N, C-alpha and C. Protein backbone atom coordinates (compact mmCIF):
# COMPACT_ATOMS: atom_id res chain seq x y z
N UNK A 1 14.76 7.88 -14.40
CA UNK A 1 13.32 7.89 -14.25
C UNK A 1 12.77 9.11 -14.98
N UNK A 2 11.71 8.92 -15.71
CA UNK A 2 11.10 10.03 -16.43
C UNK A 2 9.99 10.63 -15.60
N UNK A 3 9.50 11.78 -16.02
CA UNK A 3 8.36 12.42 -15.35
C UNK A 3 7.04 11.83 -15.83
N UNK A 4 7.08 11.02 -16.88
CA UNK A 4 5.86 10.37 -17.37
C UNK A 4 5.42 9.32 -16.37
N UNK A 5 4.11 9.24 -16.16
CA UNK A 5 3.60 8.25 -15.22
C UNK A 5 3.37 6.94 -15.96
N UNK A 6 3.68 5.81 -15.33
CA UNK A 6 3.63 4.53 -16.06
C UNK A 6 2.22 4.03 -16.39
N UNK A 7 1.20 4.49 -15.67
CA UNK A 7 -0.16 4.03 -15.94
C UNK A 7 -1.06 5.24 -16.16
N UNK A 8 -2.25 5.00 -16.68
CA UNK A 8 -3.19 6.09 -16.90
C UNK A 8 -4.52 5.74 -16.23
N UNK A 9 -5.30 6.79 -15.97
CA UNK A 9 -6.64 6.58 -15.45
C UNK A 9 -7.41 5.70 -16.43
N UNK A 10 -8.10 4.73 -15.89
CA UNK A 10 -8.86 3.81 -16.72
C UNK A 10 -8.15 2.50 -16.99
N UNK A 11 -6.83 2.44 -16.71
CA UNK A 11 -6.12 1.16 -16.88
C UNK A 11 -6.82 0.13 -15.99
N UNK A 12 -7.05 -1.06 -16.54
CA UNK A 12 -7.88 -2.03 -15.83
C UNK A 12 -7.36 -3.44 -16.03
N UNK A 13 -7.57 -4.26 -15.04
CA UNK A 13 -7.32 -5.69 -15.16
C UNK A 13 -8.41 -6.43 -14.41
N UNK A 14 -8.63 -7.68 -14.82
CA UNK A 14 -9.63 -8.54 -14.17
C UNK A 14 -9.00 -9.89 -13.87
N UNK A 15 -9.54 -10.53 -12.85
CA UNK A 15 -9.09 -11.86 -12.45
C UNK A 15 -10.32 -12.63 -11.99
N UNK A 16 -10.49 -13.84 -12.50
CA UNK A 16 -11.59 -14.69 -12.07
C UNK A 16 -11.05 -16.00 -11.53
N UNK A 17 -11.75 -16.50 -10.50
CA UNK A 17 -11.32 -17.74 -9.87
C UNK A 17 -12.49 -18.34 -9.12
N UNK A 18 -12.58 -19.65 -9.13
CA UNK A 18 -13.54 -20.34 -8.27
C UNK A 18 -12.88 -20.55 -6.92
N UNK A 19 -13.52 -20.07 -5.87
CA UNK A 19 -12.99 -20.18 -4.52
C UNK A 19 -13.22 -21.61 -4.04
N UNK A 20 -12.14 -22.33 -3.84
CA UNK A 20 -12.24 -23.75 -3.50
C UNK A 20 -12.17 -23.96 -1.99
N UNK A 21 -12.56 -25.15 -1.60
CA UNK A 21 -12.45 -25.53 -0.20
C UNK A 21 -10.99 -25.49 0.24
N UNK A 22 -10.09 -25.93 -0.63
CA UNK A 22 -8.67 -25.90 -0.26
C UNK A 22 -8.16 -24.48 -0.09
N UNK A 23 -8.65 -23.54 -0.91
CA UNK A 23 -8.26 -22.13 -0.72
C UNK A 23 -8.59 -21.68 0.69
N UNK A 24 -9.82 -21.96 1.11
CA UNK A 24 -10.29 -21.50 2.42
C UNK A 24 -9.53 -22.20 3.55
N UNK A 25 -9.34 -23.52 3.45
CA UNK A 25 -8.64 -24.25 4.51
C UNK A 25 -7.17 -23.88 4.58
N UNK A 26 -6.51 -23.72 3.45
CA UNK A 26 -5.10 -23.31 3.47
C UNK A 26 -4.96 -21.91 4.07
N UNK A 27 -5.86 -21.00 3.68
CA UNK A 27 -5.80 -19.64 4.22
C UNK A 27 -6.07 -19.66 5.73
N UNK A 28 -7.03 -20.47 6.17
CA UNK A 28 -7.32 -20.59 7.60
C UNK A 28 -6.09 -21.09 8.35
N UNK A 29 -5.41 -22.07 7.79
CA UNK A 29 -4.21 -22.60 8.43
C UNK A 29 -3.07 -21.61 8.47
N UNK A 30 -2.88 -20.88 7.39
CA UNK A 30 -1.80 -19.90 7.33
C UNK A 30 -2.04 -18.77 8.33
N UNK A 31 -3.28 -18.29 8.40
CA UNK A 31 -3.58 -17.13 9.24
C UNK A 31 -3.98 -17.49 10.66
N UNK A 32 -4.41 -18.73 10.87
CA UNK A 32 -4.92 -19.12 12.18
C UNK A 32 -6.38 -18.73 12.39
N UNK A 33 -7.01 -18.18 11.35
CA UNK A 33 -8.42 -17.79 11.45
C UNK A 33 -9.28 -19.02 11.17
N UNK A 34 -9.60 -19.74 12.23
CA UNK A 34 -10.39 -20.95 12.13
C UNK A 34 -11.82 -20.72 12.58
N UNK A 35 -12.33 -19.52 12.35
CA UNK A 35 -13.70 -19.20 12.71
C UNK A 35 -14.66 -20.21 12.09
N UNK A 36 -15.68 -20.61 12.83
CA UNK A 36 -16.68 -21.51 12.25
C UNK A 36 -17.30 -20.96 10.96
N UNK A 37 -17.33 -19.66 10.80
CA UNK A 37 -17.85 -19.07 9.56
C UNK A 37 -17.16 -19.66 8.34
N UNK A 38 -15.90 -20.04 8.51
CA UNK A 38 -15.08 -20.48 7.38
C UNK A 38 -14.87 -22.00 7.33
N UNK A 39 -14.87 -22.66 8.48
CA UNK A 39 -14.43 -24.06 8.50
C UNK A 39 -15.43 -25.04 9.13
N UNK A 40 -16.59 -24.59 9.55
CA UNK A 40 -17.52 -25.50 10.20
C UNK A 40 -18.86 -25.49 9.48
N UNK A 41 -19.05 -26.46 8.59
CA UNK A 41 -20.27 -26.52 7.77
C UNK A 41 -21.51 -26.72 8.64
N UNK A 42 -21.40 -27.52 9.70
CA UNK A 42 -22.57 -27.79 10.54
C UNK A 42 -23.05 -26.52 11.24
N UNK A 43 -22.14 -25.77 11.81
CA UNK A 43 -22.51 -24.51 12.46
C UNK A 43 -23.14 -23.57 11.45
N UNK A 44 -22.55 -23.46 10.27
CA UNK A 44 -23.03 -22.50 9.28
C UNK A 44 -24.37 -22.91 8.68
N UNK A 45 -24.69 -24.20 8.67
CA UNK A 45 -26.02 -24.62 8.20
C UNK A 45 -27.13 -23.99 9.04
N UNK A 46 -26.84 -23.73 10.32
CA UNK A 46 -27.83 -23.15 11.21
C UNK A 46 -27.90 -21.63 11.19
N UNK A 47 -27.19 -20.99 10.25
CA UNK A 47 -27.20 -19.53 10.15
C UNK A 47 -28.00 -19.10 8.93
N UNK A 48 -28.22 -17.81 8.80
CA UNK A 48 -28.94 -17.31 7.62
C UNK A 48 -28.17 -17.57 6.33
N UNK A 49 -26.86 -17.79 6.43
CA UNK A 49 -26.05 -18.05 5.23
C UNK A 49 -26.17 -19.49 4.76
N UNK A 50 -26.37 -20.41 5.67
CA UNK A 50 -26.61 -21.80 5.32
C UNK A 50 -25.38 -22.60 4.92
N UNK A 51 -24.25 -21.94 4.80
CA UNK A 51 -23.01 -22.62 4.40
C UNK A 51 -21.81 -21.76 4.75
N UNK A 52 -20.63 -22.31 4.54
CA UNK A 52 -19.40 -21.61 4.91
C UNK A 52 -19.10 -20.43 3.99
N UNK A 53 -18.45 -19.43 4.56
CA UNK A 53 -18.12 -18.19 3.86
C UNK A 53 -16.60 -18.08 3.76
N UNK A 54 -16.10 -17.65 2.61
CA UNK A 54 -14.66 -17.39 2.45
C UNK A 54 -14.25 -16.19 3.31
N UNK A 55 -13.03 -16.21 3.76
CA UNK A 55 -12.47 -15.11 4.55
C UNK A 55 -12.45 -13.82 3.72
N UNK A 56 -12.81 -12.71 4.34
CA UNK A 56 -12.69 -11.42 3.68
C UNK A 56 -11.24 -11.12 3.32
N UNK A 57 -10.33 -11.47 4.22
CA UNK A 57 -8.92 -11.20 3.95
C UNK A 57 -8.41 -12.02 2.77
N UNK A 58 -9.00 -13.19 2.53
CA UNK A 58 -8.64 -13.97 1.34
C UNK A 58 -9.04 -13.20 0.08
N UNK A 59 -10.19 -12.54 0.12
CA UNK A 59 -10.61 -11.73 -1.03
C UNK A 59 -9.62 -10.59 -1.27
N UNK A 60 -9.11 -10.00 -0.19
CA UNK A 60 -8.12 -8.93 -0.35
C UNK A 60 -6.86 -9.50 -1.01
N UNK A 61 -6.50 -10.71 -0.68
CA UNK A 61 -5.36 -11.35 -1.35
C UNK A 61 -5.59 -11.50 -2.84
N UNK A 62 -6.82 -11.86 -3.24
CA UNK A 62 -7.13 -11.93 -4.66
C UNK A 62 -7.07 -10.55 -5.30
N UNK A 63 -7.48 -9.52 -4.57
CA UNK A 63 -7.37 -8.14 -5.06
C UNK A 63 -5.91 -7.81 -5.37
N UNK A 64 -5.02 -8.25 -4.47
CA UNK A 64 -3.59 -7.98 -4.63
C UNK A 64 -3.06 -8.59 -5.93
N UNK A 65 -3.59 -9.75 -6.31
CA UNK A 65 -3.19 -10.36 -7.58
C UNK A 65 -3.42 -9.39 -8.73
N UNK A 66 -4.57 -8.71 -8.71
CA UNK A 66 -4.88 -7.79 -9.80
C UNK A 66 -3.88 -6.63 -9.89
N UNK A 67 -3.50 -6.09 -8.75
CA UNK A 67 -2.53 -4.99 -8.80
C UNK A 67 -1.19 -5.48 -9.34
N UNK A 68 -0.80 -6.68 -8.97
CA UNK A 68 0.46 -7.24 -9.48
C UNK A 68 0.41 -7.45 -10.98
N UNK A 69 -0.71 -7.96 -11.46
CA UNK A 69 -0.88 -8.17 -12.90
C UNK A 69 -0.82 -6.84 -13.64
N UNK A 70 -1.50 -5.83 -13.10
CA UNK A 70 -1.49 -4.51 -13.74
C UNK A 70 -0.07 -3.96 -13.80
N UNK A 71 0.65 -4.02 -12.69
CA UNK A 71 2.02 -3.48 -12.65
C UNK A 71 2.94 -4.20 -13.63
N UNK A 72 2.74 -5.49 -13.81
CA UNK A 72 3.60 -6.26 -14.71
C UNK A 72 3.45 -5.84 -16.16
N UNK A 73 2.34 -5.18 -16.48
CA UNK A 73 2.12 -4.74 -17.86
C UNK A 73 2.91 -3.49 -18.22
N UNK A 74 3.49 -2.82 -17.24
CA UNK A 74 4.16 -1.55 -17.49
C UNK A 74 5.63 -1.64 -17.15
N UNK A 75 6.46 -1.12 -18.05
CA UNK A 75 7.90 -1.08 -17.84
C UNK A 75 8.21 0.18 -17.04
N UNK A 76 8.76 -0.01 -15.84
CA UNK A 76 9.08 1.14 -14.99
C UNK A 76 10.53 1.07 -14.53
N UNK A 77 11.46 1.23 -15.48
CA UNK A 77 12.87 1.17 -15.09
C UNK A 77 13.18 2.27 -14.07
N UNK A 78 13.94 1.91 -13.06
CA UNK A 78 14.31 2.88 -12.05
C UNK A 78 13.29 3.02 -10.93
N UNK A 79 12.16 2.30 -11.02
CA UNK A 79 11.12 2.39 -9.99
C UNK A 79 10.58 1.01 -9.68
N UNK A 80 10.07 0.87 -8.46
CA UNK A 80 9.39 -0.34 -8.05
C UNK A 80 8.02 0.05 -7.52
N UNK A 81 6.98 -0.59 -8.04
CA UNK A 81 5.62 -0.32 -7.55
C UNK A 81 5.40 -1.11 -6.27
N UNK A 82 4.92 -0.42 -5.22
CA UNK A 82 4.64 -1.07 -3.94
C UNK A 82 3.25 -0.66 -3.46
N UNK A 83 2.60 -1.58 -2.79
CA UNK A 83 1.26 -1.31 -2.25
C UNK A 83 1.38 -0.51 -0.96
N UNK A 84 0.60 0.56 -0.87
CA UNK A 84 0.50 1.31 0.38
C UNK A 84 -0.72 0.87 1.18
N UNK A 85 -1.52 -0.02 0.61
CA UNK A 85 -2.64 -0.57 1.35
C UNK A 85 -3.98 -0.36 0.67
N UNK A 86 -4.99 -0.80 1.36
CA UNK A 86 -6.37 -0.74 0.88
C UNK A 86 -7.19 0.12 1.83
N UNK A 87 -7.94 1.04 1.28
CA UNK A 87 -8.85 1.89 2.05
C UNK A 87 -10.28 1.50 1.74
N UNK A 88 -11.15 1.81 2.64
CA UNK A 88 -12.60 1.64 2.45
C UNK A 88 -12.97 0.24 1.97
N UNK A 89 -12.34 -0.78 2.57
CA UNK A 89 -12.71 -2.16 2.25
C UNK A 89 -14.08 -2.43 2.85
N UNK A 90 -14.96 -2.94 2.04
CA UNK A 90 -16.30 -3.31 2.51
C UNK A 90 -16.65 -4.68 1.95
N UNK A 91 -17.17 -5.54 2.83
CA UNK A 91 -17.67 -6.84 2.43
C UNK A 91 -19.19 -6.74 2.41
N UNK A 92 -19.73 -6.68 1.22
CA UNK A 92 -21.14 -6.35 1.00
C UNK A 92 -22.03 -7.59 1.00
N UNK A 93 -21.53 -8.66 0.44
CA UNK A 93 -22.27 -9.92 0.38
C UNK A 93 -21.26 -11.06 0.55
N UNK A 94 -21.70 -12.19 1.08
CA UNK A 94 -20.74 -13.28 1.30
C UNK A 94 -20.26 -13.90 -0.01
N UNK A 95 -19.05 -14.43 0.06
CA UNK A 95 -18.53 -15.29 -1.00
C UNK A 95 -18.46 -16.68 -0.40
N UNK A 96 -19.13 -17.62 -1.03
CA UNK A 96 -19.21 -18.98 -0.54
C UNK A 96 -18.19 -19.87 -1.23
N UNK A 97 -17.81 -20.95 -0.55
CA UNK A 97 -16.96 -21.94 -1.18
C UNK A 97 -17.70 -22.46 -2.42
N UNK A 98 -17.00 -22.47 -3.54
CA UNK A 98 -17.59 -22.89 -4.81
C UNK A 98 -18.02 -21.74 -5.69
N UNK A 99 -18.11 -20.53 -5.14
CA UNK A 99 -18.45 -19.35 -5.96
C UNK A 99 -17.30 -19.03 -6.90
N UNK A 100 -17.62 -18.65 -8.11
CA UNK A 100 -16.62 -18.08 -9.01
C UNK A 100 -16.70 -16.58 -8.88
N UNK A 101 -15.58 -15.98 -8.49
CA UNK A 101 -15.53 -14.54 -8.29
C UNK A 101 -14.77 -13.89 -9.44
N UNK A 102 -15.08 -12.63 -9.68
CA UNK A 102 -14.32 -11.81 -10.62
C UNK A 102 -13.93 -10.54 -9.90
N UNK A 103 -12.65 -10.25 -9.92
CA UNK A 103 -12.14 -9.01 -9.35
C UNK A 103 -11.82 -8.08 -10.49
N UNK A 104 -12.36 -6.86 -10.42
CA UNK A 104 -12.06 -5.83 -11.40
C UNK A 104 -11.27 -4.74 -10.70
N UNK A 105 -10.12 -4.43 -11.25
CA UNK A 105 -9.18 -3.45 -10.68
C UNK A 105 -9.01 -2.35 -11.72
N UNK A 106 -9.43 -1.13 -11.37
CA UNK A 106 -9.41 -0.02 -12.34
C UNK A 106 -8.77 1.21 -11.72
N UNK A 107 -7.72 1.73 -12.37
CA UNK A 107 -7.06 2.95 -11.89
C UNK A 107 -8.04 4.11 -12.01
N UNK A 108 -8.30 4.79 -10.89
CA UNK A 108 -9.29 5.87 -10.85
C UNK A 108 -8.64 7.24 -10.70
N UNK A 109 -7.47 7.29 -10.04
CA UNK A 109 -6.79 8.57 -9.80
C UNK A 109 -5.29 8.38 -9.92
N UNK A 110 -4.63 9.45 -10.35
CA UNK A 110 -3.17 9.47 -10.41
C UNK A 110 -2.69 10.75 -9.73
N UNK A 111 -1.69 10.60 -8.87
CA UNK A 111 -1.03 11.75 -8.25
C UNK A 111 0.44 11.70 -8.66
N UNK A 112 0.79 12.39 -9.77
CA UNK A 112 2.18 12.32 -10.26
C UNK A 112 3.19 12.85 -9.25
N UNK A 113 2.82 13.85 -8.45
CA UNK A 113 3.76 14.40 -7.48
C UNK A 113 4.14 13.36 -6.42
N UNK A 114 3.19 12.57 -6.01
CA UNK A 114 3.46 11.50 -5.03
C UNK A 114 3.88 10.20 -5.69
N UNK A 115 3.80 10.14 -7.03
CA UNK A 115 4.09 8.93 -7.80
C UNK A 115 3.19 7.79 -7.32
N UNK A 116 1.89 8.10 -7.18
CA UNK A 116 0.98 7.05 -6.74
C UNK A 116 -0.36 7.09 -7.46
N UNK A 117 -1.04 5.95 -7.38
CA UNK A 117 -2.36 5.80 -7.97
C UNK A 117 -3.32 5.30 -6.91
N UNK A 118 -4.59 5.56 -7.18
CA UNK A 118 -5.68 4.93 -6.42
C UNK A 118 -6.53 4.19 -7.43
N UNK A 119 -6.89 2.96 -7.07
CA UNK A 119 -7.70 2.13 -7.96
C UNK A 119 -8.97 1.70 -7.24
N UNK A 120 -10.05 1.64 -7.99
CA UNK A 120 -11.30 1.08 -7.50
C UNK A 120 -11.25 -0.42 -7.74
N UNK A 121 -11.53 -1.18 -6.69
CA UNK A 121 -11.50 -2.63 -6.78
C UNK A 121 -12.89 -3.16 -6.43
N UNK A 122 -13.39 -4.07 -7.27
CA UNK A 122 -14.72 -4.65 -7.06
C UNK A 122 -14.63 -6.17 -7.19
N UNK A 123 -15.29 -6.87 -6.27
CA UNK A 123 -15.37 -8.32 -6.32
C UNK A 123 -16.83 -8.68 -6.53
N UNK A 124 -17.09 -9.47 -7.58
CA UNK A 124 -18.45 -9.93 -7.85
C UNK A 124 -18.49 -11.45 -7.88
N UNK A 125 -19.67 -11.99 -7.65
CA UNK A 125 -19.90 -13.44 -7.72
C UNK A 125 -21.35 -13.66 -8.13
N UNK A 126 -21.67 -14.92 -8.38
CA UNK A 126 -23.06 -15.31 -8.63
C UNK A 126 -23.75 -14.42 -9.67
N UNK A 127 -23.14 -14.33 -10.84
CA UNK A 127 -23.77 -13.58 -11.92
C UNK A 127 -23.67 -12.08 -11.80
N UNK A 128 -22.68 -11.59 -11.09
CA UNK A 128 -22.46 -10.15 -11.02
C UNK A 128 -22.84 -9.49 -9.71
N UNK A 129 -23.25 -10.28 -8.70
CA UNK A 129 -23.58 -9.69 -7.40
C UNK A 129 -22.32 -9.10 -6.77
N UNK A 130 -22.42 -7.84 -6.36
CA UNK A 130 -21.28 -7.16 -5.74
C UNK A 130 -21.07 -7.72 -4.34
N UNK A 131 -19.87 -8.24 -4.09
CA UNK A 131 -19.56 -8.86 -2.80
C UNK A 131 -18.58 -8.05 -1.96
N UNK A 132 -17.66 -7.33 -2.60
CA UNK A 132 -16.67 -6.55 -1.87
C UNK A 132 -16.18 -5.39 -2.73
N UNK A 133 -15.76 -4.32 -2.06
CA UNK A 133 -15.18 -3.17 -2.74
C UNK A 133 -14.01 -2.66 -1.91
N UNK A 134 -13.11 -1.96 -2.56
CA UNK A 134 -11.98 -1.35 -1.86
C UNK A 134 -11.36 -0.29 -2.76
N UNK A 135 -10.54 0.54 -2.16
CA UNK A 135 -9.67 1.46 -2.88
C UNK A 135 -8.24 1.02 -2.59
N UNK A 136 -7.47 0.79 -3.64
CA UNK A 136 -6.08 0.36 -3.47
C UNK A 136 -5.14 1.50 -3.84
N UNK A 137 -4.12 1.68 -3.02
CA UNK A 137 -3.13 2.73 -3.24
C UNK A 137 -1.80 2.08 -3.60
N UNK A 138 -1.26 2.47 -4.75
CA UNK A 138 0.05 2.00 -5.21
C UNK A 138 0.98 3.19 -5.32
N UNK A 139 2.22 2.99 -4.95
CA UNK A 139 3.23 4.05 -5.12
C UNK A 139 4.41 3.48 -5.90
N UNK A 140 4.92 4.30 -6.81
CA UNK A 140 6.11 3.94 -7.57
C UNK A 140 7.30 4.59 -6.86
N UNK A 141 8.20 3.76 -6.30
CA UNK A 141 9.30 4.21 -5.47
C UNK A 141 10.59 4.11 -6.29
N UNK A 142 11.38 5.18 -6.25
CA UNK A 142 12.64 5.20 -6.99
C UNK A 142 13.62 4.18 -6.42
N UNK A 143 14.26 3.44 -7.32
CA UNK A 143 15.31 2.51 -6.90
C UNK A 143 16.59 3.29 -6.64
N UNK A 144 17.43 2.78 -5.75
CA UNK A 144 18.71 3.47 -5.52
C UNK A 144 19.59 3.40 -6.75
N UNK A 145 20.43 4.39 -6.95
CA UNK A 145 21.34 4.36 -8.12
C UNK A 145 22.29 3.17 -8.01
N UNK A 146 22.64 2.65 -9.17
CA UNK A 146 23.57 1.48 -9.20
C UNK A 146 24.97 1.90 -8.95
């Protein structure tokens, strides 16, 4: 393992996807989160939102895709990049079934001593409306010697 860090501040990746009804129902089934917010169109018609909302945790899963894509771009022999989690997750506006979202993942800080990065993550929909934000922490962990 070298002392050089595998990524630099400003390294960025994006991911876009239309959030489908099947995404929401499969996620609800996997997690057991069957809140009417996500799976009951009739209940949601009577709210200020007027329709079903995607799970916030599903958005975090899409965020995770971006970190994986970013890590795959860098050769890190002797190390494995692992997520230490997300800080300051905020759901600012709803993401509705049928919305096309874009997640932007940008490395904002590097701590070479800890072998970790912090990235700013933003989720937008509906022409750029900010829907969610988070800070993601990644650490590069040394693999055991062979």
